[in-house]
């Protein structure tokens, strides 16, 4: 991985293709379980996901998932 530091102090990581493919393959195997855990954490103590307050992320993610 290469890291580039920009003038504003932010860093950009440039990952080599083989490492990126390996990370992607590892991540895909966990997607269903991680998705279920995320939804469970948001819904904790609530009757349904519809009652989860909009934090600017969850509603966008739900909308994107519905559009597929």
PDB file of N, CA and C in Angstrom:
ATOM      1  N   UNK A   1       0.846  -1.164   0.000  1.00  0.00           N
ATOM      2  CA  UNK A   1       0.000   0.000   0.000  1.00  0.00           C
ATOM      3  C   UNK A   1       0.899   1.237   0.000  1.00  0.00           C
ATOM      4  N   UNK A   2       0.471   2.210  -0.755  1.00  0.00           N
ATOM      5  CA  UNK A   2       1.172   3.495  -0.777  1.00  0.00           C
ATOM      6  C   UNK A   2       0.264   4.545  -0.163  1.00  0.00           C
ATOM      7  N   UNK A   3       0.858   5.460   0.560  1.00  0.00           N
ATOM      8  CA  UNK A   3       0.084   6.533   1.189  1.00  0.00           C
ATOM      9  C   UNK A   3       0.564   7.867   0.640  1.00  0.00           C
ATOM     10  N   UNK A   4      -0.384   8.700   0.244  1.00  0.00           N
ATOM     11  CA  UNK A   4      -0.066  10.039  -0.247  1.00  0.00           C
ATOM     12  C   UNK A   4      -0.664  11.051   0.728  1.00  0.00           C
ATOM     13  N   UNK A   5       0.128  12.012   1.145  1.00  0.00           N
ATOM     14  CA  UNK A   5      -0.349  13.061   2.043  1.00  0.00           C
ATOM     15  C   UNK A   5      -0.640  14.311   1.214  1.00  0.00           C
ATOM     16  N   UNK A   6      -1.847  14.805   1.329  1.00  0.00           N
ATOM     17  CA  UNK A   6      -2.249  15.980   0.571  1.00  0.00           C
ATOM     18  C   UNK A   6      -1.926  17.254   1.338  1.00  0.00           C
ATOM     19  N   UNK A   7      -1.995  18.391   0.676  1.00  0.00           N
ATOM     20  CA  UNK A   7      -1.661  19.664   1.302  1.00  0.00           C
ATOM     21  C   UNK A   7      -2.550  19.984   2.498  1.00  0.00           C
ATOM     22  N   UNK A   8      -3.791  19.503   2.484  1.00  0.00           N
ATOM     23  CA  UNK A   8      -4.692  19.783   3.611  1.00  0.00           C
ATOM     24  C   UNK A   8      -4.468  18.848   4.797  1.00  0.00           C
ATOM     25  N   UNK A   9      -3.479  17.957   4.683  1.00  0.00           N
ATOM     26  CA  UNK A   9      -3.143  17.056   5.780  1.00  0.00           C
ATOM     27  C   UNK A   9      -3.845  15.713   5.708  1.00  0.00           C
ATOM     28  N   UNK A  10      -4.779  15.538   4.779  1.00  0.00           N
ATOM     29  CA  UNK A  10      -5.467  14.257   4.665  1.00  0.00           C
ATOM     30  C   UNK A  10      -4.581  13.250   3.936  1.00  0.00           C
ATOM     31  N   UNK A  11      -4.833  11.995   4.193  1.00  0.00           N
ATOM     32  CA  UNK A  11      -4.039  10.930   3.586  1.00  0.00           C
ATOM     33  C   UNK A  11      -4.903  10.118   2.635  1.00  0.00           C
ATOM     34  N   UNK A  12      -4.321   9.707   1.541  1.00  0.00           N
ATOM     35  CA  UNK A  12      -4.974   8.817   0.586  1.00  0.00           C
ATOM     36  C   UNK A  12      -4.167   7.533   0.547  1.00  0.00           C
ATOM     37  N   UNK A  13      -4.848   6.409   0.718  1.00  0.00           N
ATOM     38  CA  UNK A  13      -4.175   5.115   0.664  1.00  0.00           C
ATOM     39  C   UNK A  13      -4.431   4.494  -0.700  1.00  0.00           C
ATOM     40  N   UNK A  14      -3.382   4.094  -1.346  1.00  0.00           N
ATOM     41  CA  UNK A  14      -3.466   3.447  -2.647  1.00  0.00           C
ATOM     42  C   UNK A  14      -3.095   1.980  -2.457  1.00  0.00           C
ATOM     43  N   UNK A  15      -4.108   1.140  -2.502  1.00  0.00           N
ATOM     44  CA  UNK A  15      -3.915  -0.289  -2.239  1.00  0.00           C
ATOM     45  C   UNK A  15      -3.614  -1.004  -3.548  1.00  0.00           C
ATOM     46  N   UNK A  16      -2.652  -1.908  -3.516  1.00  0.00           N
ATOM     47  CA  UNK A  16      -2.299  -2.667  -4.707  1.00  0.00           C
ATOM     48  C   UNK A  16      -3.421  -3.652  -5.044  1.00  0.00           C
ATOM     49  N   UNK A  17      -3.625  -3.913  -6.315  1.00  0.00           N
ATOM     50  CA  UNK A  17      -4.738  -4.736  -6.792  1.00  0.00           C
ATOM     51  C   UNK A  17      -4.842  -6.113  -6.123  1.00  0.00           C
ATOM     52  N   UNK A  18      -3.758  -6.875  -5.965  1.00  0.00           N
ATOM     53  CA  UNK A  18      -3.896  -8.196  -5.320  1.00  0.00           C
ATOM     54  C   UNK A  18      -4.410  -8.095  -3.884  1.00  0.00           C
ATOM     55  N   UNK A  19      -3.940  -7.098  -3.153  1.00  0.00           N
ATOM     56  CA  UNK A  19      -4.396  -6.923  -1.772  1.00  0.00           C
ATOM     57  C   UNK A  19      -5.864  -6.515  -1.747  1.00  0.00           C
ATOM     58  N   UNK A  20      -6.257  -5.660  -2.658  1.00  0.00           N
ATOM     59  CA  UNK A  20      -7.645  -5.225  -2.739  1.00  0.00           C
ATOM     60  C   UNK A  20      -8.577  -6.391  -3.065  1.00  0.00           C
ATOM     61  N   UNK A  21      -8.168  -7.251  -3.983  1.00  0.00           N
ATOM     62  CA  UNK A  21      -8.981  -8.428  -4.327  1.00  0.00           C
ATOM     63  C   UNK A  21      -9.124  -9.353  -3.126  1.00  0.00           C
ATOM     64  N   UNK A  22      -8.047  -9.554  -2.396  1.00  0.00           N
ATOM     65  CA  UNK A  22      -8.100 -10.428  -1.218  1.00  0.00           C
ATOM     66  C   UNK A  22      -9.015  -9.846  -0.138  1.00  0.00           C
ATOM     67  N   UNK A  23      -8.925  -8.545   0.074  1.00  0.00           N
ATOM     68  CA  UNK A  23      -9.802  -7.898   1.055  1.00  0.00           C
ATOM     69  C   UNK A  23     -11.259  -8.001   0.630  1.00  0.00           C
ATOM     70  N   UNK A  24     -11.512  -7.787  -0.652  1.00  0.00           N
ATOM     71  CA  UNK A  24     -12.873  -7.875  -1.162  1.00  0.00           C
ATOM     72  C   UNK A  24     -13.458  -9.264  -0.996  1.00  0.00           C
ATOM     73  N   UNK A  25     -12.681 -10.274  -1.283  1.00  0.00           N
ATOM     74  CA  UNK A  25     -13.152 -11.655  -1.152  1.00  0.00           C
ATOM     75  C   UNK A  25     -13.446 -11.983   0.307  1.00  0.00           C
ATOM     76  N   UNK A  26     -12.587 -11.530   1.216  1.00  0.00           N
ATOM     77  CA  UNK A  26     -12.801 -11.788   2.641  1.00  0.00           C
ATOM     78  C   UNK A  26     -14.038 -11.061   3.141  1.00  0.00           C
ATOM     79  N   UNK A  27     -14.229  -9.836   2.684  1.00  0.00           N
ATOM     80  CA  UNK A  27     -15.364  -9.034   3.145  1.00  0.00           C
ATOM     81  C   UNK A  27     -16.684  -9.606   2.649  1.00  0.00           C
ATOM     82  N   UNK A  28     -16.727 -10.080   1.412  1.00  0.00           N
ATOM     83  CA  UNK A  28     -17.976 -10.592   0.848  1.00  0.00           C
ATOM     84  C   UNK A  28     -18.516 -11.787   1.615  1.00  0.00           C
ATOM     85  N   UNK A  29     -17.639 -12.589   2.165  1.00  0.00           N
ATOM     86  CA  UNK A  29     -18.102 -13.772   2.893  1.00  0.00           C
ATOM     87  C   UNK A  29     -18.815 -13.393   4.189  1.00  0.00           C
ATOM     88  N   UNK A  30     -18.540 -12.206   4.727  1.00  0.00           N
ATOM     89  CA  UNK A  30     -19.135 -11.772   5.985  1.00  0.00           C
ATOM     90  C   UNK A  30     -20.318 -10.824   5.819  1.00  0.00           C
ATOM     91  N   UNK A  31     -20.640 -10.432   4.599  1.00  0.00           N
ATOM     92  CA  UNK A  31     -21.654  -9.401   4.389  1.00  0.00           C
ATOM     93  C   UNK A  31     -22.998  -9.739   5.037  1.00  0.00           C
ATOM     94  N   UNK A  32     -23.588 -10.908   4.810  1.00  0.00           N
ATOM     95  CA  UNK A  32     -24.897 -11.177   5.413  1.00  0.00           C
ATOM     96  C   UNK A  32     -24.894 -11.085   6.940  1.00  0.00           C
ATOM     97  N   UNK A  33     -23.876 -11.637   7.571  1.00  0.00           N
ATOM     98  CA  UNK A  33     -23.807 -11.606   9.034  1.00  0.00           C
ATOM     99  C   UNK A  33     -23.587 -10.191   9.552  1.00  0.00           C
ATOM    100  N   UNK A  34     -22.718  -9.426   8.898  1.00  0.00           N
ATOM    101  CA  UNK A  34     -22.468  -8.046   9.328  1.00  0.00           C
ATOM    102  C   UNK A  34     -23.708  -7.167   9.107  1.00  0.00           C
ATOM    103  N   UNK A  35     -24.423  -7.393   8.017  1.00  0.00           N
ATOM    104  CA  UNK A  35     -25.642  -6.637   7.740  1.00  0.00           C
ATOM    105  C   UNK A  35     -26.688  -6.915   8.826  1.00  0.00           C
ATOM    106  N   UNK A  36     -26.869  -8.171   9.157  1.00  0.00           N
ATOM    107  CA  UNK A  36     -27.826  -8.540  10.203  1.00  0.00           C
ATOM    108  C   UNK A  36     -27.438  -7.931  11.545  1.00  0.00           C
ATOM    109  N   UNK A  37     -26.156  -7.924  11.864  1.00  0.00           N
ATOM    110  CA  UNK A  37     -25.689  -7.342  13.122  1.00  0.00           C
ATOM    111  C   UNK A  37     -25.924  -5.835  13.153  1.00  0.00           C
ATOM    112  N   UNK A  38     -25.699  -5.167  12.032  1.00  0.00           N
ATOM    113  CA  UNK A  38     -25.916  -3.722  11.960  1.00  0.00           C
ATOM    114  C   UNK A  38     -27.391  -3.392  12.165  1.00  0.00           C
ATOM    115  N   UNK A  39     -28.270  -4.093  11.452  1.00  0.00           N
ATOM    116  CA  UNK A  39     -29.700  -3.846  11.604  1.00  0.00           C
ATOM    117  C   UNK A  39     -30.169  -4.147  13.022  1.00  0.00           C
ATOM    118  N   UNK A  40     -29.644  -5.192  13.603  1.00  0.00           N
ATOM    119  CA  UNK A  40     -30.000  -5.547  14.977  1.00  0.00           C
ATOM    120  C   UNK A  40     -29.570  -4.455  15.946  1.00  0.00           C
ATOM    121  N   UNK A  41     -28.390  -3.892  15.740  1.00  0.00           N
ATOM    122  CA  UNK A  41     -27.901  -2.825  16.619  1.00  0.00           C
ATOM    123  C   UNK A  41     -28.769  -1.581  16.505  1.00  0.00           C
ATOM    124  N   UNK A  42     -29.190  -1.246  15.298  1.00  0.00           N
ATOM    125  CA  UNK A  42     -30.058  -0.081  15.119  1.00  0.00           C
ATOM    126  C   UNK A  42     -31.436  -0.305  15.732  1.00  0.00           C
ATOM    127  N   UNK A  43     -31.960  -1.513  15.608  1.00  0.00           N
ATOM    128  CA  UNK A  43     -33.316  -1.809  16.067  1.00  0.00           C
ATOM    129  C   UNK A  43     -33.379  -2.149  17.559  1.00  0.00           C
ATOM    130  N   UNK A  44     -32.254  -2.267  18.206  1.00  0.00           N
ATOM    131  CA  UNK A  44     -32.206  -2.703  19.605  1.00  0.00           C
ATOM    132  C   UNK A  44     -33.180  -1.887  20.463  1.00  0.00           C
ATOM    133  N   UNK A  45     -34.080  -2.578  21.131  1.00  0.00           N
ATOM    134  CA  UNK A  45     -35.017  -1.918  22.028  1.00  0.00           C
ATOM    135  C   UNK A  45     -36.192  -1.275  21.321  1.00  0.00           C
ATOM    136  N   UNK A  46     -36.320  -1.478  20.034  1.00  0.00           N
ATOM    137  CA  UNK A  46     -37.425  -0.885  19.280  1.00  0.00           C
ATOM    138  C   UNK A  46     -38.265  -1.994  18.662  1.00  0.00           C
ATOM    139  N   UNK A  47     -39.519  -1.692  18.421  1.00  0.00           N
ATOM    140  CA  UNK A  47     -40.422  -2.691  17.864  1.00  0.00           C
ATOM    141  C   UNK A  47     -40.062  -3.057  16.426  1.00  0.00           C
ATOM    142  N   UNK A  48     -39.567  -2.070  15.660  1.00  0.00           N
ATOM    143  CA  UNK A  48     -39.223  -2.327  14.263  1.00  0.00           C
ATOM    144  C   UNK A  48     -38.206  -1.302  13.785  1.00  0.00           C
ATOM    145  N   UNK A  49     -37.636  -1.552  12.619  1.00  0.00           N
ATOM    146  CA  UNK A  49     -36.697  -0.587  12.047  1.00  0.00           C
ATOM    147  C   UNK A  49     -37.389   0.719  11.674  1.00  0.00           C
ATOM    148  N   UNK A  50     -38.696   0.666  11.420  1.00  0.00           N
ATOM    149  CA  UNK A  50     -39.423   1.885  11.065  1.00  0.00           C
ATOM    150  C   UNK A  50     -39.406   2.901  12.206  1.00  0.00           C
ATOM    151  N   UNK A  51     -39.211   2.446  13.443  1.00  0.00           N
ATOM    152  CA  UNK A  51     -39.200   3.361  14.582  1.00  0.00           C
ATOM    153  C   UNK A  51     -37.803   3.869  14.929  1.00  0.00           C
ATOM    154  N   UNK A  52     -36.792   3.487  14.149  1.00  0.00           N
ATOM    155  CA  UNK A  52     -35.422   3.944  14.388  1.00  0.00           C
ATOM    156  C   UNK A  52     -35.311   5.408  13.950  1.00  0.00           C
ATOM    157  N   UNK A  53     -34.815   6.290  14.832  1.00  0.00           N
ATOM    158  CA  UNK A  53     -34.654   7.695  14.439  1.00  0.00           C
ATOM    159  C   UNK A  53     -33.660   7.838  13.285  1.00  0.00           C
ATOM    160  N   UNK A  54     -33.924   8.777  12.401  1.00  0.00           N
ATOM    161  CA  UNK A  54     -33.055   9.020  11.259  1.00  0.00           C
ATOM    162  C   UNK A  54     -31.781   9.714  11.730  1.00  0.00           C
ATOM    163  N   UNK A  55     -30.647   9.043  11.585  1.00  0.00           N
ATOM    164  CA  UNK A  55     -29.364   9.625  11.979  1.00  0.00           C
ATOM    165  C   UNK A  55     -28.578  10.108  10.764  1.00  0.00           C
ATOM    166  N   UNK A  56     -29.229  10.129   9.612  1.00  0.00           N
ATOM    167  CA  UNK A  56     -28.557  10.573   8.396  1.00  0.00           C
ATOM    168  C   UNK A  56     -27.891   9.445   7.646  1.00  0.00           C
ATOM    169  N   UNK A  57     -27.730   8.306   8.285  1.00  0.00           N
ATOM    170  CA  UNK A  57     -27.106   7.170   7.617  1.00  0.00           C
ATOM    171  C   UNK A  57     -28.106   6.041   7.389  1.00  0.00           C
ATOM    172  N   UNK A  58     -28.790   5.646   8.454  1.00  0.00           N
ATOM    173  CA  UNK A  58     -29.617   4.445   8.369  1.00  0.00           C
ATOM    174  C   UNK A  58     -30.715   4.580   7.318  1.00  0.00           C
ATOM    175  N   UNK A  59     -31.337   5.739   7.221  1.00  0.00           N
ATOM    176  CA  UNK A  59     -32.417   5.896   6.243  1.00  0.00           C
ATOM    177  C   UNK A  59     -31.871   5.874   4.810  1.00  0.00           C
ATOM    178  N   UNK A  60     -30.704   6.456   4.595  1.00  0.00           N
ATOM    179  CA  UNK A  60     -30.082   6.396   3.266  1.00  0.00           C
ATOM    180  C   UNK A  60     -29.738   4.958   2.915  1.00  0.00           C
ATOM    181  N   UNK A  61     -29.192   4.235   3.870  1.00  0.00           N
ATOM    182  CA  UNK A  61     -28.805   2.847   3.630  1.00  0.00           C
ATOM    183  C   UNK A  61     -30.033   1.987   3.353  1.00  0.00           C
ATOM    184  N   UNK A  62     -31.105   2.216   4.087  1.00  0.00           N
ATOM    185  CA  UNK A  62     -32.332   1.449   3.861  1.00  0.00           C
ATOM    186  C   UNK A  62     -32.910   1.760   2.486  1.00  0.00           C
ATOM    187  N   UNK A  63     -32.901   3.025   2.111  1.00  0.00           N
ATOM    188  CA  UNK A  63     -33.411   3.406   0.802  1.00  0.00           C
ATOM    189  C   UNK A  63     -32.604   2.812  -0.321  1.00  0.00           C
ATOM    190  N   UNK A  64     -31.286   2.841  -0.168  1.00  0.00           N
ATOM    191  CA  UNK A  64     -30.394   2.273  -1.179  1.00  0.00           C
ATOM    192  C   UNK A  64     -30.612   0.765  -1.308  1.00  0.00           C
ATOM    193  N   UNK A  65     -30.815   0.105  -0.167  1.00  0.00           N
ATOM    194  CA  UNK A  65     -31.029  -1.348  -0.188  1.00  0.00           C
ATOM    195  C   UNK A  65     -32.349  -1.678  -0.884  1.00  0.00           C
ATOM    196  N   UNK A  66     -33.358  -0.842  -0.671  1.00  0.00           N
ATOM    197  CA  UNK A  66     -34.656  -1.096  -1.304  1.00  0.00           C
ATOM    198  C   UNK A  66     -34.590  -0.900  -2.820  1.00  0.00           C
ATOM    199  N   UNK A  67     -33.767   0.042  -3.258  1.00  0.00           N
ATOM    200  CA  UNK A  67     -33.634   0.280  -4.695  1.00  0.00           C
ATOM    201  C   UNK A  67     -32.799  -0.795  -5.374  1.00  0.00           C
ATOM    202  N   UNK A  68     -31.999  -1.473  -4.541  1.00  0.00           N
ATOM    203  CA  UNK A  68     -31.218  -2.608  -4.995  1.00  0.00           C
ATOM    204  C   UNK A  68     -30.138  -2.298  -5.920  1.00  0.00           C
TER     205      UNK A  68
END
